[in-house]
Amino acid sequence: GNPIGMQLPVIVELTVAETEMGSRGDTASGSVTKAAKLD
């Protein structure tokens, strides 16, 4: 009867709070991702 743990769903939806603008030249260097901080 007492809660002891939690199981999350496989996928969650979150909102991007902060991220840099991507530029076209980034893909040529092989870097196709950027850092993002979620809400």
All heavy atoms as atom14 arrays in JSON, in Angstrom:
{
  "sequence": "GNPIGMQLPVIVELTVAETEMGSRGDTASGSVTKAAKLD",
  "atom14_mask": [
    [1, 1, 1, 1, 0, 0, 0, 0, 0, 0, 0, 0, 0, 0],
    [1, 1, 1, 1, 1, 1, 1, 1, 0, 0, 0, 0, 0, 0],
    [1, 1, 1, 1, 1, 1, 1, 0, 0, 0, 0, 0, 0, 0],
    [1, 1, 1, 1, 1, 1, 1, 1, 0, 0, 0, 0, 0, 0],
    [1, 1, 1, 1, 0, 0, 0, 0, 0, 0, 0, 0, 0, 0],
    [1, 1, 1, 1, 1, 1, 1, 1, 0, 0, 0, 0, 0, 0],
    [1, 1, 1, 1, 1, 1, 1, 1, 1, 0, 0, 0, 0, 0],
    [1, 1, 1, 1, 1, 1, 1, 1, 0, 0, 0, 0, 0, 0],
    [1, 1, 1, 1, 1, 1, 1, 0, 0, 0, 0, 0, 0, 0],
    [1, 1, 1, 1, 1, 1, 1, 0, 0, 0, 0, 0, 0, 0],
    [1, 1, 1, 1, 1, 1, 1, 1, 0, 0, 0, 0, 0, 0],
    [1, 1, 1, 1, 1, 1, 1, 0, 0, 0, 0, 0, 0, 0],
    [1, 1, 1, 1, 1, 1, 1, 1, 1, 0, 0, 0, 0, 0],
    [1, 1, 1, 1, 1, 1, 1, 1, 0, 0, 0, 0, 0, 0],
    [1, 1, 1, 1, 1, 1, 1, 0, 0, 0, 0, 0, 0, 0],
    [1, 1, 1, 1, 1, 1, 1, 0, 0, 0, 0, 0, 0, 0],
    [1, 1, 1, 1, 1, 0, 0, 0, 0, 0, 0, 0, 0, 0],
    [1, 1, 1, 1, 1, 1, 1, 1, 1, 0, 0, 0, 0, 0],
    [1, 1, 1, 1, 1, 1, 1, 0, 0, 0, 0, 0, 0, 0],
    [1, 1, 1, 1, 1, 1, 1, 1, 1, 0, 0, 0, 0, 0],
    [1, 1, 1, 1, 1, 1, 1, 1, 0, 0, 0, 0, 0, 0],
    [1, 1, 1, 1, 0, 0, 0, 0, 0, 0, 0, 0, 0, 0],
    [1, 1, 1, 1, 1, 1, 0, 0, 0, 0, 0, 0, 0, 0],
    [1, 1, 1, 1, 1, 1, 1, 1, 1, 1, 1, 0, 0, 0],
    [1, 1, 1, 1, 0, 0, 0, 0, 0, 0, 0, 0, 0, 0],
    [1, 1, 1, 1, 1, 1, 1, 1, 0, 0, 0, 0, 0, 0],
    [1, 1, 1, 1, 1, 1, 1, 0, 0, 0, 0, 0, 0, 0],
    [1, 1, 1, 1, 1, 0, 0, 0, 0, 0, 0, 0, 0, 0],
    [1, 1, 1, 1, 1, 1, 0, 0, 0, 0, 0, 0, 0, 0],
    [1, 1, 1, 1, 0, 0, 0, 0, 0, 0, 0, 0, 0, 0],
    [1, 1, 1, 1, 1, 1, 0, 0, 0, 0, 0, 0, 0, 0],
    [1, 1, 1, 1, 1, 1, 1, 0, 0, 0, 0, 0, 0, 0],
    [1, 1, 1, 1, 1, 1, 1, 0, 0, 0, 0, 0, 0, 0],
    [1, 1, 1, 1, 1, 1, 1, 1, 1, 0, 0, 0, 0, 0],
    [1, 1, 1, 1, 1, 0, 0, 0, 0, 0, 0, 0, 0, 0],
    [1, 1, 1, 1, 1, 0, 0, 0, 0, 0, 0, 0, 0, 0],
    [1, 1, 1, 1, 1, 1, 1, 1, 1, 0, 0, 0, 0, 0],
    [1, 1, 1, 1, 1, 1, 1, 1, 0, 0, 0, 0, 0, 0],
    [1, 1, 1, 1, 1, 1, 1, 1, 0, 0, 0, 0, 0, 0]
  ],
  "atom14_positions": [
    [[0.78, -1.23, 0.0], [0.0, 0.0, 0.0], [0.81, 1.28, 0.0], [0.25, 2.36, -0.12], [0.0, 0.0, 0.0], [0.0, 0.0, 0.0], [0.0, 0.0, 0.0], [0.0, 0.0, 0.0], [0.0, 0.0, 0.0], [0.0, 0.0, 0.0], [0.0, 0.0, 0.0], [0.0, 0.0, 0.0], [0.0, 0.0, 0.0], [0.0, 0.0, 0.0]],
    [[2.13, 1.19, 0.13], [2.99, 2.38, 0.16], [3.74, 2.54, -1.15], [4.31, 1.57, -1.65], [4.0, 2.3, 1.31], [3.32, 2.25, 2.66], [2.37, 2.98, 2.91], [3.78, 1.35, 3.52], [0.0, 0.0, 0.0], [0.0, 0.0, 0.0], [0.0, 0.0, 0.0], [0.0, 0.0, 0.0], [0.0, 0.0, 0.0], [0.0, 0.0, 0.0]],
    [[3.79, 3.77, -1.72], [4.54, 3.98, -2.96], [6.04, 3.82, -2.73], [6.58, 4.37, -1.77], [4.18, 5.41, -3.36], [3.68, 6.06, -2.12], [3.15, 4.98, -1.23], [0.0, 0.0, 0.0], [0.0, 0.0, 0.0], [0.0, 0.0, 0.0], [0.0, 0.0, 0.0], [0.0, 0.0, 0.0], [0.0, 0.0, 0.0], [0.0, 0.0, 0.0]],
    [[6.69, 3.03, -3.61], [8.13, 2.8, -3.44], [8.93, 3.11, -4.69], [10.16, 3.14, -4.65], [8.42, 1.34, -3.02], [7.91, 0.37, -4.09], [7.84, 1.03, -1.66], [8.43, -1.04, -3.94], [0.0, 0.0, 0.0], [0.0, 0.0, 0.0], [0.0, 0.0, 0.0], [0.0, 0.0, 0.0], [0.0, 0.0, 0.0], [0.0, 0.0, 0.0]],
    [[8.27, 3.35, -5.82], [9.01, 3.62, -7.05], [8.08, 4.09, -8.15], [6.86, 4.14, -8.0], [0.0, 0.0, 0.0], [0.0, 0.0, 0.0], [0.0, 0.0, 0.0], [0.0, 0.0, 0.0], [0.0, 0.0, 0.0], [0.0, 0.0, 0.0], [0.0, 0.0, 0.0], [0.0, 0.0, 0.0], [0.0, 0.0, 0.0], [0.0, 0.0, 0.0]],
    [[8.7, 4.42, -9.29], [7.95, 4.96, -10.41], [8.51, 4.41, -11.71], [9.71, 4.22, -11.85], [8.09, 6.49, -10.38], [7.56, 7.19, -11.59], [7.93, 8.95, -11.57], [9.68, 8.95, -11.91], [0.0, 0.0, 0.0], [0.0, 0.0, 0.0], [0.0, 0.0, 0.0], [0.0, 0.0, 0.0], [0.0, 0.0, 0.0], [0.0, 0.0, 0.0]],
    [[7.61, 4.16, -12.66], [8.02, 3.74, -14.0], [7.47, 4.76, -14.99], [6.27, 5.01, -15.04], [7.47, 2.36, -14.3], [7.91, 1.83, -15.64], [7.4, 0.41, -15.87], [6.82, -0.22, -15.0], [7.63, -0.08, -17.06], [0.0, 0.0, 0.0], [0.0, 0.0, 0.0], [0.0, 0.0, 0.0], [0.0, 0.0, 0.0], [0.0, 0.0, 0.0]],
    [[8.36, 5.36, -15.76], [7.99, 6.38, -16.74], [7.49, 5.73, -18.03], [7.85, 4.6, -18.33], [9.2, 7.25, -17.07], [9.68, 8.18, -15.96], [11.09, 8.67, -16.28], [8.74, 9.34, -15.8], [0.0, 0.0, 0.0], [0.0, 0.0, 0.0], [0.0, 0.0, 0.0], [0.0, 0.0, 0.0], [0.0, 0.0, 0.0], [0.0, 0.0, 0.0]],
    [[6.71, 6.48, -18.83], [6.38, 5.98, -20.16], [7.67, 5.95, -21.01], [8.67, 6.55, -20.64], [5.39, 7.0, -20.7], [5.55, 8.21, -19.87], [6.1, 7.77, -18.55], [0.0, 0.0, 0.0], [0.0, 0.0, 0.0], [0.0, 0.0, 0.0], [0.0, 0.0, 0.0], [0.0, 0.0, 0.0], [0.0, 0.0, 0.0], [0.0, 0.0, 0.0]],
    [[7.65, 5.26, -22.14], [8.83, 5.13, -22.98], [9.24, 6.49, -23.57], [10.42, 6.81, -23.65], [8.58, 4.11, -24.12], [9.76, 4.05, -25.07], [8.3, 2.75, -23.53], [0.0, 0.0, 0.0], [0.0, 0.0, 0.0], [0.0, 0.0, 0.0], [0.0, 0.0, 0.0], [0.0, 0.0, 0.0], [0.0, 0.0, 0.0], [0.0, 0.0, 0.0]],
    [[8.26, 7.31, -23.94], [8.51, 8.62, -24.56], [7.76, 9.69, -23.78], [6.61, 9.49, -23.39], [8.02, 8.64, -26.03], [8.75, 7.59, -26.87], [8.13, 10.03, -26.63], [10.16, 7.92, -27.25], [0.0, 0.0, 0.0], [0.0, 0.0, 0.0], [0.0, 0.0, 0.0], [0.0, 0.0, 0.0], [0.0, 0.0, 0.0], [0.0, 0.0, 0.0]],
    [[8.41, 10.83, -23.54], [7.73, 11.99, -22.95], [7.9, 13.18, -23.88], [8.86, 13.25, -24.65], [8.27, 12.35, -21.54], [7.97, 11.25, -20.55], [9.75, 12.65, -21.56], [0.0, 0.0, 0.0], [0.0, 0.0, 0.0], [0.0, 0.0, 0.0], [0.0, 0.0, 0.0], [0.0, 0.0, 0.0], [0.0, 0.0, 0.0], [0.0, 0.0, 0.0]],
    [[6.95, 14.11, -23.82], [7.02, 15.33, -24.63], [7.39, 16.5, -23.73], [6.74, 16.73, -22.71], [5.67, 15.6, -25.3], [5.34, 14.59, -26.37], [4.03, 14.9, -27.09], [3.41, 15.95, -26.81], [3.65, 14.09, -27.94], [0.0, 0.0, 0.0], [0.0, 0.0, 0.0], [0.0, 0.0, 0.0], [0.0, 0.0, 0.0], [0.0, 0.0, 0.0]],
    [[8.45, 17.21, -24.1], [8.93, 18.36, -23.34], [9.13, 19.54, -24.29], [9.3, 19.36, -25.51], [10.25, 18.02, -22.64], [10.2, 16.85, -21.66], [11.59, 16.47, -21.19], [9.32, 17.18, -20.47], [0.0, 0.0, 0.0], [0.0, 0.0, 0.0], [0.0, 0.0, 0.0], [0.0, 0.0, 0.0], [0.0, 0.0, 0.0], [0.0, 0.0, 0.0]],
    [[9.13, 20.74, -23.74], [9.3, 21.95, -24.53], [10.73, 22.45, -24.46], [11.33, 22.47, -23.38], [8.34, 23.05, -24.02], [7.01, 22.53, -24.05], [8.41, 24.29, -24.88], [0.0, 0.0, 0.0], [0.0, 0.0, 0.0], [0.0, 0.0, 0.0], [0.0, 0.0, 0.0], [0.0, 0.0, 0.0], [0.0, 0.0, 0.0], [0.0, 0.0, 0.0]],
    [[11.27, 22.88, -25.6], [12.62, 23.43, -25.65], [12.58, 24.84, -25.07], [11.88, 25.72, -25.58], [13.16, 23.46, -27.1], [14.53, 24.11, -27.16], [13.21, 22.06, -27.68], [0.0, 0.0, 0.0], [0.0, 0.0, 0.0], [0.0, 0.0, 0.0], [0.0, 0.0, 0.0], [0.0, 0.0, 0.0], [0.0, 0.0, 0.0], [0.0, 0.0, 0.0]],
    [[13.32, 25.07, -23.99], [13.36, 26.37, -23.34], [14.48, 27.24, -23.9], [14.32, 28.44, -24.1], [13.52, 26.22, -21.83], [0.0, 0.0, 0.0], [0.0, 0.0, 0.0], [0.0, 0.0, 0.0], [0.0, 0.0, 0.0], [0.0, 0.0, 0.0], [0.0, 0.0, 0.0], [0.0, 0.0, 0.0], [0.0, 0.0, 0.0], [0.0, 0.0, 0.0]],
    [[15.65, 26.62, -24.15], [16.8, 27.36, -24.67], [17.56, 26.49, -25.66], [17.78, 25.32, -25.42], [17.78, 27.71, -23.54], [17.26, 28.6, -22.46], [18.28, 28.74, -21.33], [19.49, 28.54, -21.56], [17.83, 29.04, -20.21], [0.0, 0.0, 0.0], [0.0, 0.0, 0.0], [0.0, 0.0, 0.0], [0.0, 0.0, 0.0], [0.0, 0.0, 0.0]],
    [[17.95, 27.1, -26.77], [18.85, 26.44, -27.72], [19.44, 27.5, -28.63], [18.9, 28.59, -28.76], [18.12, 25.35, -28.54], [19.1, 24.6, -29.27], [17.1, 25.93, -29.49], [0.0, 0.0, 0.0], [0.0, 0.0, 0.0], [0.0, 0.0, 0.0], [0.0, 0.0, 0.0], [0.0, 0.0, 0.0], [0.0, 0.0, 0.0], [0.0, 0.0, 0.0]],
    [[20.57, 27.17, -29.24], [21.22, 28.09, -30.17], [20.56, 27.98, -31.53], [19.94, 26.96, -31.85], [22.69, 27.73, -30.31], [23.45, 27.74, -29.0], [24.82, 27.09, -29.15], [25.15, 26.63, -30.26], [25.53, 27.05, -28.16], [0.0, 0.0, 0.0], [0.0, 0.0, 0.0], [0.0, 0.0, 0.0], [0.0, 0.0, 0.0], [0.0, 0.0, 0.0]],
    [[20.73, 28.98, -32.34], [20.27, 28.91, -33.72], [21.26, 28.07, -34.5], [22.47, 28.22, -34.35], [20.19, 30.32, -34.34], [19.12, 31.2, -33.72], [17.46, 30.59, -33.99], [17.32, 30.73, -35.75], [0.0, 0.0, 0.0], [0.0, 0.0, 0.0], [0.0, 0.0, 0.0], [0.0, 0.0, 0.0], [0.0, 0.0, 0.0], [0.0, 0.0, 0.0]],
    [[20.76, 27.15, -35.32], [21.64, 26.34, -36.16], [22.0, 27.12, -37.4], [21.23, 27.94, -37.89], [0.0, 0.0, 0.0], [0.0, 0.0, 0.0], [0.0, 0.0, 0.0], [0.0, 0.0, 0.0], [0.0, 0.0, 0.0], [0.0, 0.0, 0.0], [0.0, 0.0, 0.0], [0.0, 0.0, 0.0], [0.0, 0.0, 0.0], [0.0, 0.0, 0.0]],
    [[23.18, 26.89, -37.93], [23.57, 27.56, -39.17], [23.93, 26.52, -40.21], [24.3, 25.4, -39.88], [24.75, 28.51, -38.91], [25.87, 27.78, -38.48], [0.0, 0.0, 0.0], [0.0, 0.0, 0.0], [0.0, 0.0, 0.0], [0.0, 0.0, 0.0], [0.0, 0.0, 0.0], [0.0, 0.0, 0.0], [0.0, 0.0, 0.0], [0.0, 0.0, 0.0]],
    [[23.83, 26.89, -41.47], [24.04, 25.95, -42.56], [25.43, 25.32, -42.52], [25.59, 24.16, -42.83], [23.85, 26.65, -43.9], [22.42, 26.9, -44.22], [22.32, 27.43, -45.65], [20.96, 27.63, -46.02], [20.21, 26.75, -46.67], [20.73, 25.59, -47.0], [18.98, 27.01, -46.98], [0.0, 0.0, 0.0], [0.0, 0.0, 0.0], [0.0, 0.0, 0.0]],
    [[26.44, 26.05, -42.17], [27.81, 25.53, -42.18], [28.03, 24.41, -41.18], [28.96, 23.64, -41.32], [0.0, 0.0, 0.0], [0.0, 0.0, 0.0], [0.0, 0.0, 0.0], [0.0, 0.0, 0.0], [0.0, 0.0, 0.0], [0.0, 0.0, 0.0], [0.0, 0.0, 0.0], [0.0, 0.0, 0.0], [0.0, 0.0, 0.0], [0.0, 0.0, 0.0]],
    [[27.16, 24.3, -40.17], [27.34, 23.26, -39.16], [27.24, 21.86, -39.73], [27.91, 20.95, -39.29], [26.28, 23.42, -38.05], [26.55, 24.65, -37.2], [27.67, 25.16, -37.25], [25.63, 25.07, -36.48], [0.0, 0.0, 0.0], [0.0, 0.0, 0.0], [0.0, 0.0, 0.0], [0.0, 0.0, 0.0], [0.0, 0.0, 0.0], [0.0, 0.0, 0.0]],
    [[26.4, 21.66, -40.75], [26.22, 20.32, -41.28], [27.43, 19.86, -42.07], [27.74, 18.69, -42.1], [24.96, 20.23, -42.18], [25.1, 21.19, -43.22], [23.71, 20.48, -41.38], [0.0, 0.0, 0.0], [0.0, 0.0, 0.0], [0.0, 0.0, 0.0], [0.0, 0.0, 0.0], [0.0, 0.0, 0.0], [0.0, 0.0, 0.0], [0.0, 0.0, 0.0]],
    [[28.15, 20.77, -42.7], [29.33, 20.41, -43.48], [30.45, 19.89, -42.58], [31.23, 19.04, -42.99], [29.82, 21.61, -44.28], [0.0, 0.0, 0.0], [0.0, 0.0, 0.0], [0.0, 0.0, 0.0], [0.0, 0.0, 0.0], [0.0, 0.0, 0.0], [0.0, 0.0, 0.0], [0.0, 0.0, 0.0], [0.0, 0.0, 0.0], [0.0, 0.0, 0.0]],
    [[30.51, 20.38, -41.36], [31.58, 19.94, -40.46], [31.25, 18.62, -39.77], [32.04, 18.1, -39.01], [31.85, 21.02, -39.4], [30.72, 21.16, -38.55], [0.0, 0.0, 0.0], [0.0, 0.0, 0.0], [0.0, 0.0, 0.0], [0.0, 0.0, 0.0], [0.0, 0.0, 0.0], [0.0, 0.0, 0.0], [0.0, 0.0, 0.0], [0.0, 0.0, 0.0]],
    [[30.05, 18.09, -40.02], [29.67, 16.81, -39.41], [28.88, 16.97, -38.13], [28.38, 16.0, -37.6], [0.0, 0.0, 0.0], [0.0, 0.0, 0.0], [0.0, 0.0, 0.0], [0.0, 0.0, 0.0], [0.0, 0.0, 0.0], [0.0, 0.0, 0.0], [0.0, 0.0, 0.0], [0.0, 0.0, 0.0], [0.0, 0.0, 0.0], [0.0, 0.0, 0.0]],
    [[28.77, 18.17, -37.62], [28.01, 18.4, -36.39], [26.56, 18.69, -36.78], [26.24, 19.78, -37.24], [28.61, 19.59, -35.63], [27.79, 19.9, -34.53], [0.0, 0.0, 0.0], [0.0, 0.0, 0.0], [0.0, 0.0, 0.0], [0.0, 0.0, 0.0], [0.0, 0.0, 0.0], [0.0, 0.0, 0.0], [0.0, 0.0, 0.0], [0.0, 0.0, 0.0]],
    [[25.69, 17.73, -36.6], [24.31, 17.9, -37.02], [23.35, 18.07, -35.84], [22.16, 18.09, -36.01], [23.84, 16.73, -37.92], [24.61, 16.72, -39.21], [23.97, 15.41, -37.19], [0.0, 0.0, 0.0], [0.0, 0.0, 0.0], [0.0, 0.0, 0.0], [0.0, 0.0, 0.0], [0.0, 0.0, 0.0], [0.0, 0.0, 0.0], [0.0, 0.0, 0.0]],
    [[23.89, 18.17, -34.63], [23.05, 18.4, -33.46], [23.57, 19.61, -32.69], [24.69, 20.06, -32.9], [23.02, 17.18, -32.52], [24.34, 16.94, -32.02], [22.49, 15.95, -33.21], [0.0, 0.0, 0.0], [0.0, 0.0, 0.0], [0.0, 0.0, 0.0], [0.0, 0.0, 0.0], [0.0, 0.0, 0.0], [0.0, 0.0, 0.0], [0.0, 0.0, 0.0]],
    [[22.72, 20.1, -31.82], [23.1, 21.23, -30.96], [22.53, 20.98, -29.57], [21.61, 20.17, -29.4], [22.57, 22.54, -31.54], [21.06, 22.56, -31.68], [20.59, 23.84, -32.33], [19.06, 23.82, -32.53], [18.59, 25.04, -33.14], [0.0, 0.0, 0.0], [0.0, 0.0, 0.0], [0.0, 0.0, 0.0], [0.0, 0.0, 0.0], [0.0, 0.0, 0.0]],
    [[23.07, 21.67, -28.59], [22.59, 21.52, -27.22], [21.27, 22.26, -27.04], [21.06, 23.32, -27.62], [23.63, 22.07, -26.25], [0.0, 0.0, 0.0], [0.0, 0.0, 0.0], [0.0, 0.0, 0.0], [0.0, 0.0, 0.0], [0.0, 0.0, 0.0], [0.0, 0.0, 0.0], [0.0, 0.0, 0.0], [0.0, 0.0, 0.0], [0.0, 0.0, 0.0]],
    [[20.38, 21.67, -26.24], [19.11, 22.31, -25.93], [18.78, 22.05, -24.46], [18.99, 20.95, -23.95], [18.0, 21.77, -26.81], [0.0, 0.0, 0.0], [0.0, 0.0, 0.0], [0.0, 0.0, 0.0], [0.0, 0.0, 0.0], [0.0, 0.0, 0.0], [0.0, 0.0, 0.0], [0.0, 0.0, 0.0], [0.0, 0.0, 0.0], [0.0, 0.0, 0.0]],
    [[18.27, 23.08, -23.81], [17.8, 22.93, -22.43], [16.28, 22.93, -22.48], [15.67, 23.83, -23.06], [18.31, 24.09, -21.56], [18.01, 23.89, -20.1], [18.72, 24.93, -19.26], [18.55, 24.6, -17.8], [19.32, 25.53, -16.96], [0.0, 0.0, 0.0], [0.0, 0.0, 0.0], [0.0, 0.0, 0.0], [0.0, 0.0, 0.0], [0.0, 0.0, 0.0]],
    [[15.68, 21.9, -21.89], [14.24, 21.76, -21.92], [13.59, 22.44, -20.71], [14.28, 22.83, -19.77], [13.87, 20.27, -21.97], [14.55, 19.51, -23.12], [14.17, 18.04, -23.09], [14.23, 20.12, -24.46], [0.0, 0.0, 0.0], [0.0, 0.0, 0.0], [0.0, 0.0, 0.0], [0.0, 0.0, 0.0], [0.0, 0.0, 0.0], [0.0, 0.0, 0.0]],
    [[12.27, 22.6, -20.74], [11.57, 23.34, -19.7], [11.7, 22.72, -18.31], [11.53, 23.4, -17.31], [10.1, 23.54, -20.06], [9.36, 22.23, -20.33], [10.02, 21.19, -20.51], [8.11, 22.27, -20.37], [0.0, 0.0, 0.0], [0.0, 0.0, 0.0], [0.0, 0.0, 0.0], [0.0, 0.0, 0.0], [0.0, 0.0, 0.0], [0.0, 0.0, 0.0]]
  ]
}
